[in-house]
Every structure is written in structure tokens, then in C-alpha cells.
Amino acid sequence: MAEYAHPEVVVSTEWVSQHSKDPDIKIVESDEDVLLYEVGHIEGAVKIDWQTDLQDQLIRDYIDKAKFEKLLSEKGISNDTTVVFYGDKNNWWACYAYWVFKLFGHDKALVMNGGRQKWIEEGRPLTKEVPDYPKTNYKVSGINESIRAFRDDVTKHIGTKKPLIDVRSPKEFTGELLHMEAYPQEGALRGGHIPGAKNVPWATAVKEDGTFKSADELKAIYEEGKGLKKNDDVIAYCRIGERSSHTWFVLTYLLGFDRVRNYDGSWTEWGNLVKAPIEKP
């Protein structure tokens, strides 16, 4: 059985249970349902809200370097801290926060396999106590936009027929829906997908318990099933970049692909662009 390309970035719930109080480790919960942290979280975990903490409130972009430094300093995270991410929805938003931390050059980052769901299903304790850590003086070491794609990059990908992976649901891919089922159908004027994209829903990479599938199973999905190669220049997208962060993580760290970028503009940008080409099966 093959191993993950970078098994060191995935830790178990048991590992987190044993290491959550280590002084050089901080646990970060990041959820789609932003109220879950208040309901209960892993002891010592801090909350990072993908929308209010990581998003600029005026420009469609992430917070700038100064605000990221302020956020992490206030959370008690230093440059040497190992950050362990977990969250709901099989770690969608945990992977999204992980990806944003990587954009800002934070090296020591891990994901708790199975996320919040697995922690709770194992009967592990939650607390409502919010930790108060001493402030740090976090400094961004450098911005790494090599893992981010913009619309012009996508346009070039279409022209050169490089791989585009649409990780949304099949009904979003075909244009039948603008968002997942049971969600408000909003955010884009048109349904469909970017020309040439292949549909690999993000959820195909996880088991029922929310943990990542094995390396062999992932290879069967992405390499044998869709023909991707480890040296391919891959762009993944979804609706706003969170589900595709999960696929970016899988391809980069579990399968060891050399160049994977997340197009966080995703369908809410491309589906609204004037004269941008789309496909419908």
C-alpha cells in the first residue's frame, strides 16, 4: 500500500488529544457554520472565522500582511508555532484556512484527519472555554502566491489545455444548479463549468468518517481516473475556493503533485465574467 507523499502534515485525533497542550502547538478551528466553536470546541483551540478574520471586508481578497500579522499575534500564534487545523464539513474550511496560512508563508501547519466530526464521534470532550493566550509578535516571512490562480491564469490554462479540476457537485458542474443542493441558488448569473474542466467532486477524497482516503484510493481517483500526472500544472476551483482548497491539499500533500493552484475566484467570479466562455454538457 502506498503512503501519502507528505504524511507528516496529517495528524490523528489521538495525536491532537496528546499534544493539544504542548506550548509550541496551537489548535485552530475553522468552520462553515461559524457558530459551532461557541457550541463547543477542543480544549485550547482558537477560532478563525474564514469570513470575518481572513477576508478583507471591502475588497474581494484576503486580509493584507499587516492584518494577518495582527490576527495571528492576537491568537497567540508565533512564527515557530505548529498550527493544527480542524473544522466541520470534513475539513473544508480547515483546509481553506491552511491554504491561506500557506499564502502568508506559515510553514508549520497540520490538518487533523477527520476534523470536528471524527473528534465528536469518538466521544472526545469539547469545551466552551475560550483560551486567552499571550500576544505574540507574528511577522509574515513572505507571500507565496504560487499556490493561487487568478482568472488570467485560468484563461491561459484553457488556451494551453492544461488540467482544470472542478470540485463542485455534478449538478453544479452541468449547470443544473448554481450552488450545492439545499443551499441558496445565488452567486453567479450562469451555470456550467470552465471549458475543458474535469469534474472531481471534493468529497470523493474522503471516507464516511471524514478522514482522507488512502493514497492508493486517491491515485485511483485523480491519476488513473482523470489522467492527472504529478508534474501537471493543475488549477482547482469550486464556487468560492473553499472546497477546492481541500482538493489542493489532497493533490499537493497526499499525492505529492508539484504544482497545484487554487482558483479562489472560482465560479462566483468566472460565472459572472462578461464574455468568459463556459461549457454545459
Protein backbone atom coordinates (compact mmCIF):
# COMPACT_ATOMS: atom_id res chain seq x y z
CA MET A 1 0.00 0.00 0.00
CA ALA A 2 1.37 3.40 -0.97
CA GLU A 3 1.86 6.11 1.65
CA TYR A 4 0.91 9.75 1.40
CA ALA A 5 3.59 11.90 -0.20
CA HIS A 6 3.74 14.07 2.93
CA PRO A 7 2.22 12.04 5.77
CA GLU A 8 3.73 14.41 8.29
CA VAL A 9 1.08 17.09 7.60
CA VAL A 10 -1.85 14.89 8.65
CA VAL A 11 -2.33 14.07 12.33
CA SER A 12 -4.91 11.90 14.05
CA THR A 13 -7.45 12.92 16.66
CA GLU A 14 -5.46 10.87 19.17
CA TRP A 15 -2.30 12.80 18.33
CA VAL A 16 -4.14 16.09 18.87
CA SER A 17 -5.52 14.81 22.15
CA GLN A 18 -1.99 14.05 23.34
CA HIS A 19 -0.36 17.24 22.05
CA SER A 20 -3.03 19.94 22.34
CA LYS A 21 -1.36 21.46 25.42
CA ASP A 22 2.16 21.49 24.00
CA PRO A 23 3.39 25.09 24.25
CA ASP A 24 4.62 25.17 20.66
CA ILE A 25 1.31 23.96 19.23
CA LYS A 26 -1.91 25.87 18.63
CA ILE A 27 -5.16 24.24 17.57
CA VAL A 28 -7.29 26.28 15.17
CA GLU A 29 -10.95 25.55 14.46
CA SER A 30 -12.35 26.95 11.22
CA ASP A 31 -15.91 26.03 10.23
CA GLU A 32 -18.53 26.75 7.62
CA ASP A 33 -21.03 27.05 10.47
CA VAL A 34 -19.35 29.89 12.31
CA LEU A 35 -21.40 29.28 15.48
CA LEU A 36 -20.05 25.79 16.12
CA TYR A 37 -16.98 26.95 18.02
CA GLU A 38 -19.22 28.60 20.62
CA VAL A 39 -21.22 25.37 20.95
CA GLY A 40 -18.06 23.54 21.92
CA HIS A 41 -14.50 23.10 20.71
CA ILE A 42 -11.33 21.22 21.52
CA GLU A 43 -9.77 22.49 24.73
CA GLY A 44 -7.24 25.18 23.96
CA ALA A 45 -8.41 25.70 20.37
CA VAL A 46 -8.79 29.20 18.97
CA LYS A 47 -11.36 30.17 16.37
CA ILE A 48 -10.54 31.63 12.99
CA ASP A 49 -13.58 32.75 11.03
CA TRP A 50 -13.00 32.32 7.30
CA GLN A 51 -15.15 35.34 6.51
CA THR A 52 -14.57 37.94 9.21
CA ASP A 53 -11.00 37.02 10.11
CA LEU A 54 -9.45 36.01 6.79
CA GLN A 55 -11.43 38.06 4.25
CA ASP A 56 -10.94 41.74 3.56
CA GLN A 57 -14.28 43.39 4.22
CA LEU A 58 -14.09 45.86 1.32
CA ILE A 59 -12.09 44.15 -1.43
CA ARG A 60 -12.69 40.59 -2.59
CA ASP A 61 -9.38 39.37 -1.34
CA TYR A 62 -7.68 38.16 1.77
CA ILE A 63 -6.64 40.42 4.58
CA ASP A 64 -3.33 42.10 3.95
CA LYS A 65 0.01 41.26 5.54
CA ALA A 66 -0.42 43.67 8.45
CA LYS A 67 -3.86 42.34 9.34
CA PHE A 68 -2.68 38.73 9.11
CA GLU A 69 0.19 39.53 11.47
CA LYS A 70 -2.24 41.22 13.87
CA LEU A 71 -4.68 38.27 13.71
CA LEU A 72 -2.07 35.65 14.47
CA SER A 73 -0.43 37.76 17.16
CA GLU A 74 -3.78 38.15 18.90
CA LYS A 75 -4.40 34.38 18.68
CA GLY A 76 -1.11 33.69 20.40
CA ILE A 77 0.47 32.18 17.30
CA SER A 78 4.15 32.89 16.68
CA ASN A 79 6.26 32.19 13.63
CA ASP A 80 7.55 29.00 15.25
CA THR A 81 4.13 27.71 16.30
CA THR A 82 2.88 24.47 14.77
CA VAL A 83 -0.73 25.14 13.85
CA VAL A 84 -3.18 22.22 13.69
CA PHE A 85 -6.34 22.94 11.73
CA TYR A 86 -9.68 21.20 12.06
CA GLY A 87 -13.28 22.03 11.32
CA ASP A 88 -16.69 20.92 10.13
CA LYS A 89 -17.67 19.63 6.69
CA ASN A 90 -14.79 17.15 6.58
CA ASN A 91 -12.26 19.94 6.99
CA TRP A 92 -13.35 22.13 4.06
CA TRP A 93 -12.69 25.31 5.91
CA ALA A 94 -9.80 23.89 7.84
CA CYS A 95 -8.06 23.26 4.51
CA TYR A 96 -9.08 26.73 3.34
CA ALA A 97 -7.52 28.33 6.43
CA TYR A 98 -4.48 26.07 5.98
CA TRP A 99 -4.16 27.32 2.39
CA VAL A 100 -4.42 30.97 3.47
CA PHE A 101 -1.73 30.40 6.11
CA LYS A 102 0.47 28.95 3.37
CA LEU A 103 -0.22 32.03 1.21
CA PHE A 104 1.28 34.06 4.01
CA GLY A 105 4.24 31.72 4.26
CA HIS A 106 3.48 29.95 7.55
CA ASP A 107 5.50 26.73 7.38
CA LYS A 108 4.41 24.67 10.35
CA ALA A 109 0.84 23.64 9.58
CA LEU A 110 -1.01 20.35 10.05
CA VAL A 111 -4.54 19.07 9.49
CA MET A 112 -6.39 16.85 11.98
CA ASN A 113 -7.68 13.94 9.92
CA GLY A 114 -11.45 13.61 10.11
CA GLY A 115 -11.98 17.06 11.56
CA ARG A 116 -14.63 18.02 14.05
CA GLN A 117 -16.95 15.18 13.07
CA LYS A 118 -14.47 12.46 13.93
CA TRP A 119 -13.46 14.11 17.21
CA ILE A 120 -17.09 14.20 18.34
CA GLU A 121 -17.98 10.72 17.08
CA GLU A 122 -15.11 9.32 19.13
CA GLY A 123 -16.67 10.84 22.24
CA ARG A 124 -13.79 13.21 22.85
CA PRO A 125 -14.50 16.23 25.07
CA LEU A 126 -15.46 19.71 23.95
CA THR A 127 -15.37 22.89 25.97
CA LYS A 128 -16.92 26.34 25.71
CA GLU A 129 -13.99 27.95 27.50
CA VAL A 130 -12.20 30.37 25.19
CA PRO A 131 -8.44 30.37 25.79
CA ASP A 132 -6.57 33.62 26.38
CA TYR A 133 -3.02 33.32 25.13
CA PRO A 134 -0.33 35.97 25.49
CA LYS A 135 0.03 38.09 22.37
CA THR A 136 2.92 37.35 20.09
CA ASN A 137 4.75 39.47 17.54
CA TYR A 138 4.00 37.45 14.42
CA LYS A 139 5.76 38.56 11.24
CA VAL A 140 4.91 37.33 7.76
CA SER A 141 8.03 35.87 6.23
CA GLY A 142 6.82 36.19 2.64
CA ILE A 143 3.76 35.90 0.43
CA ASN A 144 3.53 32.66 -1.57
CA GLU A 145 1.13 33.24 -4.44
CA SER A 146 2.49 30.27 -6.37
CA ILE A 147 -0.38 28.27 -4.88
CA ARG A 148 -3.05 30.73 -6.03
CA ALA A 149 -4.56 31.12 -9.50
CA PHE A 150 -6.30 34.17 -10.91
CA ARG A 151 -8.73 34.42 -13.81
CA ASP A 152 -5.96 35.27 -16.30
CA ASP A 153 -4.18 32.09 -15.26
CA VAL A 154 -7.37 30.16 -15.92
CA THR A 155 -7.73 31.75 -19.34
CA LYS A 156 -4.18 30.66 -20.20
CA HIS A 157 -4.96 27.16 -18.93
CA ILE A 158 -7.92 26.94 -21.29
CA GLY A 159 -5.76 28.03 -24.21
CA THR A 160 -3.00 25.56 -23.45
CA LYS A 161 -5.39 22.76 -22.44
CA LYS A 162 -3.75 22.27 -19.07
CA PRO A 163 -5.76 20.45 -16.41
CA LEU A 164 -8.59 22.25 -14.66
CA ILE A 165 -10.36 20.37 -11.88
CA ASP A 166 -13.87 21.45 -10.95
CA VAL A 167 -14.53 20.03 -7.48
CA ARG A 168 -18.17 21.07 -7.22
CA SER A 169 -21.08 18.68 -7.26
CA PRO A 170 -22.11 17.13 -10.60
CA LYS A 171 -25.26 19.27 -10.77
CA GLU A 172 -23.21 22.44 -10.34
CA PHE A 173 -20.76 21.21 -12.98
CA THR A 174 -23.52 20.65 -15.51
CA GLY A 175 -25.18 23.98 -14.73
CA GLU A 176 -28.35 22.48 -13.33
CA LEU A 177 -27.56 24.21 -10.04
CA LEU A 178 -25.59 27.35 -9.16
CA HIS A 179 -24.72 26.06 -5.69
CA MET A 180 -24.93 22.79 -3.80
CA GLU A 181 -28.31 21.30 -3.17
CA ALA A 182 -30.12 22.79 -0.15
CA TYR A 183 -28.09 26.00 -0.43
CA PRO A 184 -29.44 29.31 -1.84
CA GLN A 185 -29.01 29.26 -5.61
CA GLU A 186 -27.10 32.52 -5.87
CA GLY A 187 -23.68 33.94 -6.51
CA ALA A 188 -23.42 33.50 -10.28
CA LEU A 189 -25.53 34.54 -13.25
CA ARG A 190 -24.80 31.42 -15.27
CA GLY A 191 -24.45 27.75 -14.57
CA GLY A 192 -21.94 25.39 -16.15
CA HIS A 193 -18.20 24.93 -15.93
CA ILE A 194 -14.96 26.33 -17.26
CA PRO A 195 -14.18 24.88 -20.72
CA GLY A 196 -12.02 21.78 -20.53
CA ALA A 197 -12.51 21.24 -16.81
CA LYS A 198 -12.96 17.76 -15.41
CA ASN A 199 -15.39 17.19 -12.58
CA VAL A 200 -13.96 15.52 -9.48
CA PRO A 201 -16.16 16.41 -6.51
CA TRP A 202 -14.02 17.16 -3.49
CA ALA A 203 -15.94 14.65 -1.36
CA THR A 204 -14.62 11.75 -3.41
CA ALA A 205 -11.36 12.19 -1.47
CA VAL A 206 -12.83 11.40 1.94
CA LYS A 207 -14.32 8.40 3.71
CA GLU A 208 -17.65 8.36 5.51
CA ASP A 209 -15.93 9.21 8.80
CA GLY A 210 -14.44 12.35 7.24
CA THR A 211 -10.87 11.07 7.06
CA PHE A 212 -8.88 11.16 3.86
CA LYS A 213 -8.93 8.10 1.65
CA SER A 214 -5.77 6.08 1.29
CA ALA A 215 -3.02 7.07 -1.13
CA ASP A 216 -3.95 4.16 -3.39
CA GLU A 217 -7.60 5.20 -3.45
CA LEU A 218 -6.67 8.82 -4.19
CA LYS A 219 -4.35 7.75 -7.01
CA ALA A 220 -7.18 5.72 -8.50
CA ILE A 221 -9.44 8.79 -8.44
CA TYR A 222 -7.12 11.52 -9.70
CA GLU A 223 -4.36 9.77 -11.63
CA GLU A 224 -5.96 6.64 -13.06
CA GLY A 225 -9.48 8.06 -13.18
CA LYS A 226 -8.78 11.55 -14.54
CA GLY A 227 -5.34 11.11 -16.02
CA LEU A 228 -3.54 13.66 -13.86
CA LYS A 229 0.22 13.37 -13.53
CA LYS A 230 2.31 14.56 -10.61
CA ASN A 231 4.17 17.12 -12.71
CA ASP A 232 0.99 18.58 -14.21
CA ASP A 233 0.24 22.27 -13.78
CA VAL A 234 -3.18 21.90 -12.15
CA ILE A 235 -5.75 24.54 -11.25
CA ALA A 236 -8.61 23.52 -8.95
CA TYR A 237 -11.76 25.55 -8.43
CA CYS A 238 -15.20 25.34 -6.89
CA ARG A 239 -17.60 28.15 -6.06
CA ILE A 240 -15.55 30.44 -3.81
CA GLY A 241 -12.35 28.47 -3.27
CA GLU A 242 -13.02 26.56 -0.07
CA ARG A 243 -13.89 23.12 -1.43
CA SER A 244 -11.04 23.44 -3.92
CA SER A 245 -8.68 24.16 -1.01
CA HIS A 246 -9.48 20.66 0.17
CA THR A 247 -8.59 19.21 -3.24
CA TRP A 248 -5.48 21.42 -3.40
CA PHE A 249 -4.41 19.90 -0.08
CA VAL A 250 -5.07 16.35 -1.26
CA LEU A 251 -3.18 16.73 -4.54
CA THR A 252 -0.27 18.66 -3.01
CA TYR A 253 0.36 16.87 0.27
CA LEU A 254 -1.24 13.46 -0.02
CA LEU A 255 -0.38 12.69 -3.64
CA GLY A 256 2.70 14.91 -3.97
CA PHE A 257 1.77 16.92 -7.05
CA ASP A 258 4.40 19.53 -7.78
CA ARG A 259 2.24 22.42 -8.94
CA VAL A 260 -1.35 22.81 -7.87
CA ARG A 261 -3.04 26.18 -7.61
CA ASN A 262 -6.36 27.08 -6.06
CA TYR A 263 -8.51 29.48 -8.09
CA ASP A 264 -10.35 31.15 -5.22
CA GLY A 265 -12.26 33.46 -7.56
CA SER A 266 -13.86 30.20 -8.70
CA TRP A 267 -17.34 30.02 -10.19
CA THR A 268 -18.66 33.14 -8.46
CA GLU A 269 -16.11 35.08 -10.50
CA TRP A 270 -15.97 33.06 -13.72
CA GLY A 271 -19.73 32.53 -13.91
CA ASN A 272 -20.26 36.29 -13.76
CA LEU A 273 -17.46 37.41 -16.09
CA VAL A 274 -18.61 39.21 -19.21
CA LYS A 275 -17.73 37.17 -22.32
CA ALA A 276 -15.95 34.47 -20.35
CA PRO A 277 -16.57 31.14 -22.08
CA ILE A 278 -18.40 28.38 -20.28
CA GLU A 279 -19.44 24.86 -21.13
CA LYS A 280 -22.53 22.88 -20.40
CA PRO A 281 -22.59 19.19 -21.18
